[in-house]
Amino acid sequence: MWLIFGIGAIVFALLNIIFAFKNKNASWYRFLSLSLTALTVCAFYSDGAGRVVKEDWAGLMDIMPTMNKALWILVILSILINSISLFKENE
């Protein structure tokens, strides 16, 4: 589920930038992108919690170290990409 949310966040972030540079209102795309980013992090955390409950330690050791870094990078990128349209609107 977190993968679907993550892909949706990227798509809406790109739509946000495209509409911002076409001087159209991109606030809904920004809202959807940031919301899906938050849901991605929550869904990933939920997946990790489910693995702890099932005591799937091997699965946790495989996924958590890599995805931890990836989620940090993607959340920061989402914030930066969505802020482009905010600064574009202020011009």
PDB file of N, CA and C in Angstrom:
ATOM      1  N   MET A   1       0.813  -1.193   0.000  1.00  0.00           N
ATOM      2  CA  MET A   1       0.000   0.000   0.000  1.00  0.00           C
ATOM      3  C   MET A   1       0.862   1.264   0.000  1.00  0.00           C
ATOM      4  N   TRP A   2       1.983   1.208   0.746  1.00  0.00           N
ATOM      5  CA  TRP A   2       2.839   2.386   0.812  1.00  0.00           C
ATOM      6  C   TRP A   2       3.441   2.703  -0.544  1.00  0.00           C
ATOM      7  N   LEU A   3       3.645   1.683  -1.365  1.00  0.00           N
ATOM      8  CA  LEU A   3       4.195   1.911  -2.695  1.00  0.00           C
ATOM      9  C   LEU A   3       3.208   2.686  -3.569  1.00  0.00           C
ATOM     10  N   ILE A   4       1.931   2.348  -3.471  1.00  0.00           N
ATOM     11  CA  ILE A   4       0.891   3.051  -4.238  1.00  0.00           C
ATOM     12  C   ILE A   4       0.795   4.507  -3.793  1.00  0.00           C
ATOM     13  N   PHE A   5       0.810   4.722  -2.478  1.00  0.00           N
ATOM     14  CA  PHE A   5       0.779   6.091  -1.964  1.00  0.00           C
ATOM     15  C   PHE A   5       2.008   6.873  -2.431  1.00  0.00           C
ATOM     16  N   GLY A   6       3.168   6.241  -2.412  1.00  0.00           N
ATOM     17  CA  GLY A   6       4.398   6.909  -2.818  1.00  0.00           C
ATOM     18  C   GLY A   6       4.395   7.300  -4.288  1.00  0.00           C
ATOM     19  N   ILE A   7       3.925   6.391  -5.133  1.00  0.00           N
ATOM     20  CA  ILE A   7       3.838   6.701  -6.564  1.00  0.00           C
ATOM     21  C   ILE A   7       2.838   7.829  -6.796  1.00  0.00           C
ATOM     22  N   GLY A   8       1.712   7.784  -6.091  1.00  0.00           N
ATOM     23  CA  GLY A   8       0.727   8.860  -6.208  1.00  0.00           C
ATOM     24  C   GLY A   8       1.291  10.200  -5.769  1.00  0.00           C
ATOM     25  N   ALA A   9       2.089  10.202  -4.712  1.00  0.00           N
ATOM     26  CA  ALA A   9       2.704  11.447  -4.237  1.00  0.00           C
ATOM     27  C   ALA A   9       3.638  12.027  -5.294  1.00  0.00           C
ATOM     28  N   ILE A  10       4.397  11.166  -5.957  1.00  0.00           N
ATOM     29  CA  ILE A  10       5.311  11.634  -7.001  1.00  0.00           C
ATOM     30  C   ILE A  10       4.533  12.192  -8.187  1.00  0.00           C
ATOM     31  N   VAL A  11       3.484  11.498  -8.594  1.00  0.00           N
ATOM     32  CA  VAL A  11       2.679  11.957  -9.737  1.00  0.00           C
ATOM     33  C   VAL A  11       2.071  13.325  -9.449  1.00  0.00           C
ATOM     34  N   PHE A  12       1.484  13.484  -8.280  1.00  0.00           N
ATOM     35  CA  PHE A  12       0.867  14.770  -7.946  1.00  0.00           C
ATOM     36  C   PHE A  12       1.899  15.870  -7.748  1.00  0.00           C
ATOM     37  N   ALA A  13       3.097  15.528  -7.284  1.00  0.00           N
ATOM     38  CA  ALA A  13       4.156  16.538  -7.169  1.00  0.00           C
ATOM     39  C   ALA A  13       4.562  17.037  -8.556  1.00  0.00           C
ATOM     40  N   LEU A  14       4.668  16.120  -9.504  1.00  0.00           N
ATOM     41  CA  LEU A  14       5.009  16.524 -10.874  1.00  0.00           C
ATOM     42  C   LEU A  14       3.892  17.360 -11.496  1.00  0.00           C
ATOM     43  N   LEU A  15       2.635  16.966 -11.268  1.00  0.00           N
ATOM     44  CA  LEU A  15       1.509  17.761 -11.761  1.00  0.00           C
ATOM     45  C   LEU A  15       1.505  19.145 -11.125  1.00  0.00           C
ATOM     46  N   ASN A  16       1.879  19.203  -9.862  1.00  0.00           N
ATOM     47  CA  ASN A  16       1.966  20.467  -9.144  1.00  0.00           C
ATOM     48  C   ASN A  16       2.950  21.405  -9.841  1.00  0.00           C
ATOM     49  N   ILE A  17       4.103  20.887 -10.190  1.00  0.00           N
ATOM     50  CA  ILE A  17       5.123  21.717 -10.854  1.00  0.00           C
ATOM     51  C   ILE A  17       4.664  22.133 -12.245  1.00  0.00           C
ATOM     52  N   ILE A  18       4.094  21.191 -12.986  1.00  0.00           N
ATOM     53  CA  ILE A  18       3.643  21.498 -14.347  1.00  0.00           C
ATOM     54  C   ILE A  18       2.592  22.604 -14.330  1.00  0.00           C
ATOM     55  N   PHE A  19       1.603  22.472 -13.457  1.00  0.00           N
ATOM     56  CA  PHE A  19       0.539  23.473 -13.405  1.00  0.00           C
ATOM     57  C   PHE A  19       1.047  24.804 -12.853  1.00  0.00           C
ATOM     58  N   ALA A  20       2.014  24.762 -11.951  1.00  0.00           N
ATOM     59  CA  ALA A  20       2.560  26.004 -11.407  1.00  0.00           C
ATOM     60  C   ALA A  20       3.266  26.800 -12.499  1.00  0.00           C
ATOM     61  N   PHE A  21       4.007  26.112 -13.363  1.00  0.00           N
ATOM     62  CA  PHE A  21       4.724  26.825 -14.414  1.00  0.00           C
ATOM     63  C   PHE A  21       3.822  27.228 -15.578  1.00  0.00           C
ATOM     64  N   LYS A  22       2.621  26.646 -15.647  1.00  0.00           N
ATOM     65  CA  LYS A  22       1.638  27.090 -16.631  1.00  0.00           C
ATOM     66  C   LYS A  22       0.764  28.200 -16.059  1.00  0.00           C
ATOM     67  N   ASN A  23       1.126  28.676 -14.860  1.00  0.00           N
ATOM     68  CA  ASN A  23       0.395  29.740 -14.153  1.00  0.00           C
ATOM     69  C   ASN A  23      -1.057  29.379 -13.890  1.00  0.00           C
ATOM     70  N   LYS A  24      -1.290  28.114 -13.577  1.00  0.00           N
ATOM     71  CA  LYS A  24      -2.623  27.664 -13.166  1.00  0.00           C
ATOM     72  C   LYS A  24      -2.574  27.324 -11.689  1.00  0.00           C
ATOM     73  N   ASN A  25      -3.734  27.253 -11.070  1.00  0.00           N
ATOM     74  CA  ASN A  25      -3.811  26.964  -9.643  1.00  0.00           C
ATOM     75  C   ASN A  25      -3.379  25.515  -9.385  1.00  0.00           C
ATOM     76  N   ALA A  26      -2.309  25.350  -8.612  1.00  0.00           N
ATOM     77  CA  ALA A  26      -1.765  24.026  -8.346  1.00  0.00           C
ATOM     78  C   ALA A  26      -1.926  23.627  -6.885  1.00  0.00           C
ATOM     79  N   SER A  27      -2.734  24.361  -6.136  1.00  0.00           N
ATOM     80  CA  SER A  27      -2.819  24.106  -4.698  1.00  0.00           C
ATOM     81  C   SER A  27      -3.403  22.731  -4.374  1.00  0.00           C
ATOM     82  N   TRP A  28      -4.348  22.255  -5.171  1.00  0.00           N
ATOM     83  CA  TRP A  28      -4.902  20.921  -4.913  1.00  0.00           C
ATOM     84  C   TRP A  28      -3.875  19.836  -5.143  1.00  0.00           C
ATOM     85  N   TYR A  29      -3.052  19.979  -6.175  1.00  0.00           N
ATOM     86  CA  TYR A  29      -2.006  18.994  -6.433  1.00  0.00           C
ATOM     87  C   TYR A  29      -0.968  18.991  -5.316  1.00  0.00           C
ATOM     88  N   ARG A  30      -0.640  20.180  -4.822  1.00  0.00           N
ATOM     89  CA  ARG A  30       0.299  20.286  -3.707  1.00  0.00           C
ATOM     90  C   ARG A  30      -0.269  19.601  -2.470  1.00  0.00           C
ATOM     91  N   PHE A  31      -1.535  19.869  -2.178  1.00  0.00           N
ATOM     92  CA  PHE A  31      -2.188  19.250  -1.027  1.00  0.00           C
ATOM     93  C   PHE A  31      -2.204  17.725  -1.162  1.00  0.00           C
ATOM     94  N   LEU A  32      -2.590  17.228  -2.334  1.00  0.00           N
ATOM     95  CA  LEU A  32      -2.643  15.779  -2.544  1.00  0.00           C
ATOM     96  C   LEU A  32      -1.261  15.145  -2.453  1.00  0.00           C
ATOM     97  N   SER A  33      -0.265  15.798  -2.999  1.00  0.00           N
ATOM     98  CA  SER A  33       1.088  15.255  -2.952  1.00  0.00           C
ATOM     99  C   SER A  33       1.613  15.163  -1.526  1.00  0.00           C
ATOM    100  N   LEU A  34       1.450  16.218  -0.748  1.00  0.00           N
ATOM    101  CA  LEU A  34       1.924  16.188   0.630  1.00  0.00           C
ATOM    102  C   LEU A  34       1.109  15.225   1.488  1.00  0.00           C
ATOM    103  N   SER A  35      -0.187  15.123   1.214  1.00  0.00           N
ATOM    104  CA  SER A  35      -1.020  14.172   1.952  1.00  0.00           C
ATOM    105  C   SER A  35      -0.614  12.732   1.648  1.00  0.00           C
ATOM    106  N   LEU A  36      -0.376  12.439   0.376  1.00  0.00           N
ATOM    107  CA  LEU A  36       0.040  11.085   0.008  1.00  0.00           C
ATOM    108  C   LEU A  36       1.438  10.772   0.530  1.00  0.00           C
ATOM    109  N   THR A  37       2.280  11.783   0.638  1.00  0.00           N
ATOM    110  CA  THR A  37       3.597  11.570   1.237  1.00  0.00           C
ATOM    111  C   THR A  37       3.451  11.156   2.696  1.00  0.00           C
ATOM    112  N   ALA A  38       2.594  11.847   3.426  1.00  0.00           N
ATOM    113  CA  ALA A  38       2.352  11.501   4.830  1.00  0.00           C
ATOM    114  C   ALA A  38       1.749  10.103   4.950  1.00  0.00           C
ATOM    115  N   LEU A  39       0.810   9.777   4.070  1.00  0.00           N
ATOM    116  CA  LEU A  39       0.198   8.445   4.102  1.00  0.00           C
ATOM    117  C   LEU A  39       1.209   7.356   3.742  1.00  0.00           C
ATOM    118  N   THR A  40       2.162   7.664   2.885  1.00  0.00           N
ATOM    119  CA  THR A  40       3.213   6.707   2.546  1.00  0.00           C
ATOM    120  C   THR A  40       4.033   6.356   3.777  1.00  0.00           C
ATOM    121  N   VAL A  41       4.435   7.372   4.525  1.00  0.00           N
ATOM    122  CA  VAL A  41       5.232   7.138   5.724  1.00  0.00           C
ATOM    123  C   VAL A  41       4.416   6.352   6.753  1.00  0.00           C
ATOM    124  N   CYS A  42       3.145   6.697   6.938  1.00  0.00           N
ATOM    125  CA  CYS A  42       2.295   5.983   7.885  1.00  0.00           C
ATOM    126  C   CYS A  42       2.078   4.528   7.463  1.00  0.00           C
ATOM    127  N   ALA A  43       1.859   4.300   6.180  1.00  0.00           N
ATOM    128  CA  ALA A  43       1.649   2.935   5.689  1.00  0.00           C
ATOM    129  C   ALA A  43       2.921   2.105   5.838  1.00  0.00           C
ATOM    130  N   PHE A  44       4.071   2.709   5.594  1.00  0.00           N
ATOM    131  CA  PHE A  44       5.320   1.974   5.765  1.00  0.00           C
ATOM    132  C   PHE A  44       5.550   1.632   7.229  1.00  0.00           C
ATOM    133  N   TYR A  45       5.262   2.564   8.110  1.00  0.00           N
ATOM    134  CA  TYR A  45       5.389   2.303   9.539  1.00  0.00           C
ATOM    135  C   TYR A  45       4.441   1.189   9.963  1.00  0.00           C
ATOM    136  N   SER A  46       3.237   1.212   9.432  1.00  0.00           N
ATOM    137  CA  SER A  46       2.256   0.165   9.732  1.00  0.00           C
ATOM    138  C   SER A  46       2.743  -1.198   9.252  1.00  0.00           C
ATOM    139  N   ASP A  47       3.363  -1.241   8.076  1.00  0.00           N
ATOM    140  CA  ASP A  47       3.921  -2.487   7.556  1.00  0.00           C
ATOM    141  C   ASP A  47       5.012  -3.011   8.484  1.00  0.00           C
ATOM    142  N   GLY A  48       5.883  -2.111   8.946  1.00  0.00           N
ATOM    143  CA  GLY A  48       6.935  -2.511   9.877  1.00  0.00           C
ATOM    144  C   GLY A  48       6.370  -3.012  11.200  1.00  0.00           C
ATOM    145  N   ALA A  49       5.343  -2.339  11.704  1.00  0.00           N
ATOM    146  CA  ALA A  49       4.709  -2.773  12.953  1.00  0.00           C
ATOM    147  C   ALA A  49       4.067  -4.155  12.795  1.00  0.00           C
ATOM    148  N   GLY A  50       3.469  -4.387  11.633  1.00  0.00           N
ATOM    149  CA  GLY A  50       2.886  -5.709  11.367  1.00  0.00           C
ATOM    150  C   GLY A  50       3.939  -6.800  11.344  1.00  0.00           C
ATOM    151  N   ARG A  51       5.101  -6.498  10.815  1.00  0.00           N
ATOM    152  CA  ARG A  51       6.186  -7.483  10.800  1.00  0.00           C
ATOM    153  C   ARG A  51       6.705  -7.758  12.212  1.00  0.00           C
ATOM    154  N   VAL A  52       6.714  -6.729  13.073  1.00  0.00           N
ATOM    155  CA  VAL A  52       7.132  -6.936  14.463  1.00  0.00           C
ATOM    156  C   VAL A  52       6.141  -7.851  15.163  1.00  0.00           C
ATOM    157  N   VAL A  53       4.850  -7.627  14.952  1.00  0.00           N
ATOM    158  CA  VAL A  53       3.824  -8.451  15.586  1.00  0.00           C
ATOM    159  C   VAL A  53       3.947  -9.918  15.136  1.00  0.00           C
ATOM    160  N   LYS A  54       4.259 -10.098  13.842  1.00  0.00           N
ATOM    161  CA  LYS A  54       4.435 -11.459  13.303  1.00  0.00           C
ATOM    162  C   LYS A  54       5.806 -12.030  13.631  1.00  0.00           C
ATOM    163  N   GLU A  55       6.660 -11.229  14.250  1.00  0.00           N
ATOM    164  CA  GLU A  55       8.029 -11.596  14.579  1.00  0.00           C
ATOM    165  C   GLU A  55       8.821 -12.010  13.347  1.00  0.00           C
ATOM    166  N   ASP A  56       8.629 -11.263  12.269  1.00  0.00           N
ATOM    167  CA  ASP A  56       9.356 -11.483  11.026  1.00  0.00           C
ATOM    168  C   ASP A  56      10.624 -10.636  11.051  1.00  0.00           C
ATOM    169  N   TRP A  57      11.586 -11.063  11.866  1.00  0.00           N
ATOM    170  CA  TRP A  57      12.796 -10.279  12.071  1.00  0.00           C
ATOM    171  C   TRP A  57      13.651 -10.224  10.809  1.00  0.00           C
ATOM    172  N   ALA A  58      13.670 -11.302  10.044  1.00  0.00           N
ATOM    173  CA  ALA A  58      14.454 -11.304   8.805  1.00  0.00           C
ATOM    174  C   ALA A  58      13.889 -10.284   7.815  1.00  0.00           C
ATOM    175  N   GLY A  59      12.560 -10.214   7.724  1.00  0.00           N
ATOM    176  CA  GLY A  59      11.928  -9.234   6.849  1.00  0.00           C
ATOM    177  C   GLY A  59      12.222  -7.811   7.277  1.00  0.00           C
ATOM    178  N   LEU A  60      12.227  -7.587   8.574  1.00  0.00           N
ATOM    179  CA  LEU A  60      12.558  -6.246   9.090  1.00  0.00           C
ATOM    180  C   LEU A  60      14.003  -5.880   8.787  1.00  0.00           C
ATOM    181  N   MET A  61      14.911  -6.836   8.967  1.00  0.00           N
ATOM    182  CA  MET A  61      16.319  -6.551   8.698  1.00  0.00           C
ATOM    183  C   MET A  61      16.569  -6.312   7.216  1.00  0.00           C
ATOM    184  N   ASP A  62      15.764  -6.910   6.352  1.00  0.00           N
ATOM    185  CA  ASP A  62      15.916  -6.696   4.913  1.00  0.00           C
ATOM    186  C   ASP A  62      15.379  -5.332   4.484  1.00  0.00           C
ATOM    187  N   ILE A  63      14.238  -4.945   5.022  1.00  0.00           N
ATOM    188  CA  ILE A  63      13.528  -3.769   4.530  1.00  0.00           C
ATOM    189  C   ILE A  63      13.907  -2.477   5.245  1.00  0.00           C
ATOM    190  N   MET A  64      13.953  -2.485   6.541  1.00  0.00           N
ATOM    191  CA  MET A  64      14.054  -1.237   7.310  1.00  0.00           C
ATOM    192  C   MET A  64      15.309  -0.395   7.046  1.00  0.00           C
ATOM    193  N   PRO A  65      16.505  -0.956   7.010  1.00  0.00           N
ATOM    194  CA  PRO A  65      17.666  -0.076   6.813  1.00  0.00           C
ATOM    195  C   PRO A  65      17.636   0.677   5.482  1.00  0.00           C
ATOM    196  N   THR A  66      17.279  -0.004   4.422  1.00  0.00           N
ATOM    197  CA  THR A  66      17.253   0.637   3.106  1.00  0.00           C
ATOM    198  C   THR A  66      16.086   1.597   2.988  1.00  0.00           C
ATOM    199  N   MET A  67      14.909   1.172   3.386  1.00  0.00           N
ATOM    200  CA  MET A  67      13.726   2.000   3.230  1.00  0.00           C
ATOM    201  C   MET A  67      13.742   3.197   4.161  1.00  0.00           C
ATOM    202  N   ASN A  68      14.421   3.105   5.285  1.00  0.00           N
ATOM    203  CA  ASN A  68      14.545   4.244   6.178  1.00  0.00           C
ATOM    204  C   ASN A  68      15.216   5.405   5.447  1.00  0.00           C
ATOM    205  N   LYS A  69      16.325   5.122   4.784  1.00  0.00           N
ATOM    206  CA  LYS A  69      17.034   6.169   4.039  1.00  0.00           C
ATOM    207  C   LYS A  69      16.198   6.661   2.865  1.00  0.00           C
ATOM    208  N   ALA A  70      15.563   5.732   2.173  1.00  0.00           N
ATOM    209  CA  ALA A  70      14.749   6.107   1.013  1.00  0.00           C
ATOM    210  C   ALA A  70      13.587   7.004   1.420  1.00  0.00           C
ATOM    211  N   LEU A  71      12.915   6.679   2.518  1.00  0.00           N
ATOM    212  CA  LEU A  71      11.788   7.502   2.968  1.00  0.00           C
ATOM    213  C   LEU A  71      12.242   8.899   3.363  1.00  0.00           C
ATOM    214  N   TRP A  72      13.376   9.025   4.034  1.00  0.00           N
ATOM    215  CA  TRP A  72      13.892  10.345   4.390  1.00  0.00           C
ATOM    216  C   TRP A  72      14.151  11.169   3.138  1.00  0.00           C
ATOM    217  N   ILE A  73      14.817  10.562   2.167  1.00  0.00           N
ATOM    218  CA  ILE A  73      15.143  11.279   0.935  1.00  0.00           C
ATOM    219  C   ILE A  73      13.877  11.681   0.193  1.00  0.00           C
ATOM    220  N   LEU A  74      12.919  10.758   0.086  1.00  0.00           N
ATOM    221  CA  LEU A  74      11.703  11.051  -0.669  1.00  0.00           C
ATOM    222  C   LEU A  74      10.814  12.082   0.014  1.00  0.00           C
ATOM    223  N   VAL A  75      10.758  12.060   1.322  1.00  0.00           N
ATOM    224  CA  VAL A  75       9.966  13.068   2.036  1.00  0.00           C
ATOM    225  C   VAL A  75      10.598  14.453   1.858  1.00  0.00           C
ATOM    226  N   ILE A  76      11.909  14.528   1.967  1.00  0.00           N
ATOM    227  CA  ILE A  76      12.582  15.815   1.764  1.00  0.00           C
ATOM    228  C   ILE A  76      12.381  16.309   0.338  1.00  0.00           C
ATOM    229  N   LEU A  77      12.504  15.406  -0.640  1.00  0.00           N
ATOM    230  CA  LEU A  77      12.268  15.793  -2.035  1.00  0.00           C
ATOM    231  C   LEU A  77      10.832  16.246  -2.260  1.00  0.00           C
ATOM    232  N   SER A  78       9.890  15.564  -1.638  1.00  0.00           N
ATOM    233  CA  SER A  78       8.487  15.952  -1.783  1.00  0.00           C
ATOM    234  C   SER A  78       8.256  17.357  -1.245  1.00  0.00           C
ATOM    235  N   ILE A  79       8.834  17.656  -0.111  1.00  0.00           N
ATOM    236  CA  ILE A  79       8.687  18.992   0.462  1.00  0.00           C
ATOM    237  C   ILE A  79       9.316  20.038  -0.460  1.00  0.00           C
ATOM    238  N   LEU A  80      10.516  19.752  -0.961  1.00  0.00           N
ATOM    239  CA  LEU A  80      11.199  20.710  -1.839  1.00  0.00           C
ATOM    240  C   LEU A  80      10.458  20.903  -3.158  1.00  0.00           C
ATOM    241  N   ILE A  81      10.006  19.809  -3.759  1.00  0.00           N
ATOM    242  CA  ILE A  81       9.295  19.903  -5.042  1.00  0.00           C
ATOM    243  C   ILE A  81       7.993  20.681  -4.885  1.00  0.00           C
ATOM    244  N   ASN A  82       7.265  20.396  -3.817  1.00  0.00           N
ATOM    245  CA  ASN A  82       5.998  21.092  -3.614  1.00  0.00           C
ATOM    246  C   ASN A  82       6.199  22.542  -3.209  1.00  0.00           C
ATOM    247  N   SER A  83       7.340  22.865  -2.639  1.00  0.00           N
ATOM    248  CA  SER A  83       7.591  24.261  -2.283  1.00  0.00           C
ATOM    249  C   SER A  83       7.918  25.107  -3.513  1.00  0.00           C
ATOM    250  N   ILE A  84       8.336  24.480  -4.596  1.00  0.00           N
ATOM    251  CA  ILE A  84       8.619  25.223  -5.828  1.00  0.00           C
ATOM    252  C   ILE A  84       7.376  25.981  -6.277  1.00  0.00           C
ATOM    253  N   SER A  85       6.225  25.330  -6.231  1.00  0.00           N
ATOM    254  CA  SER A  85       5.000  26.005  -6.669  1.00  0.00           C
ATOM    255  C   SER A  85       4.606  27.128  -5.713  1.00  0.00           C
ATOM    256  N   LEU A  86       4.931  26.991  -4.436  1.00  0.00           N
ATOM    257  CA  LEU A  86       4.636  28.075  -3.489  1.00  0.00           C
ATOM    258  C   LEU A  86       5.448  29.317  -3.822  1.00  0.00           C
ATOM    259  N   PHE A  87       6.738  29.127  -4.094  1.00  0.00           N
ATOM    260  CA  PHE A  87       7.578  30.268  -4.431  1.00  0.00           C
ATOM    261  C   PHE A  87       7.233  30.823  -5.800  1.00  0.00           C
ATOM    262  N   LYS A  88       6.790  29.981  -6.694  1.00  0.00           N
ATOM    263  CA  LYS A  88       6.380  30.425  -8.033  1.00  0.00           C
ATOM    264  C   LYS A  88       5.130  31.319  -7.923  1.00  0.00           C
ATOM    265  N   GLU A  89       4.188  30.955  -7.014  1.00  0.00           N
ATOM    266  CA  GLU A  89       2.962  31.743  -6.844  1.00  0.00           C
ATOM    267  C   GLU A  89       3.250  33.118  -6.253  1.00  0.00           C
ATOM    268  N   ASN A  90       4.307  33.223  -5.455  1.00  0.00           N
ATOM    269  CA  ASN A  90       4.627  34.496  -4.811  1.00  0.00           C
ATOM    270  C   ASN A  90       5.252  35.507  -5.762  1.00  0.00           C
ATOM    271  N   GLU A  91       5.667  35.072  -6.922  1.00  0.00           N
ATOM    272  CA  GLU A  91       6.299  35.981  -7.869  1.00  0.00           C
ATOM    273  C   GLU A  91       5.291  36.879  -8.530  1.00  0.00           C
TER     274      GLU A  91
END
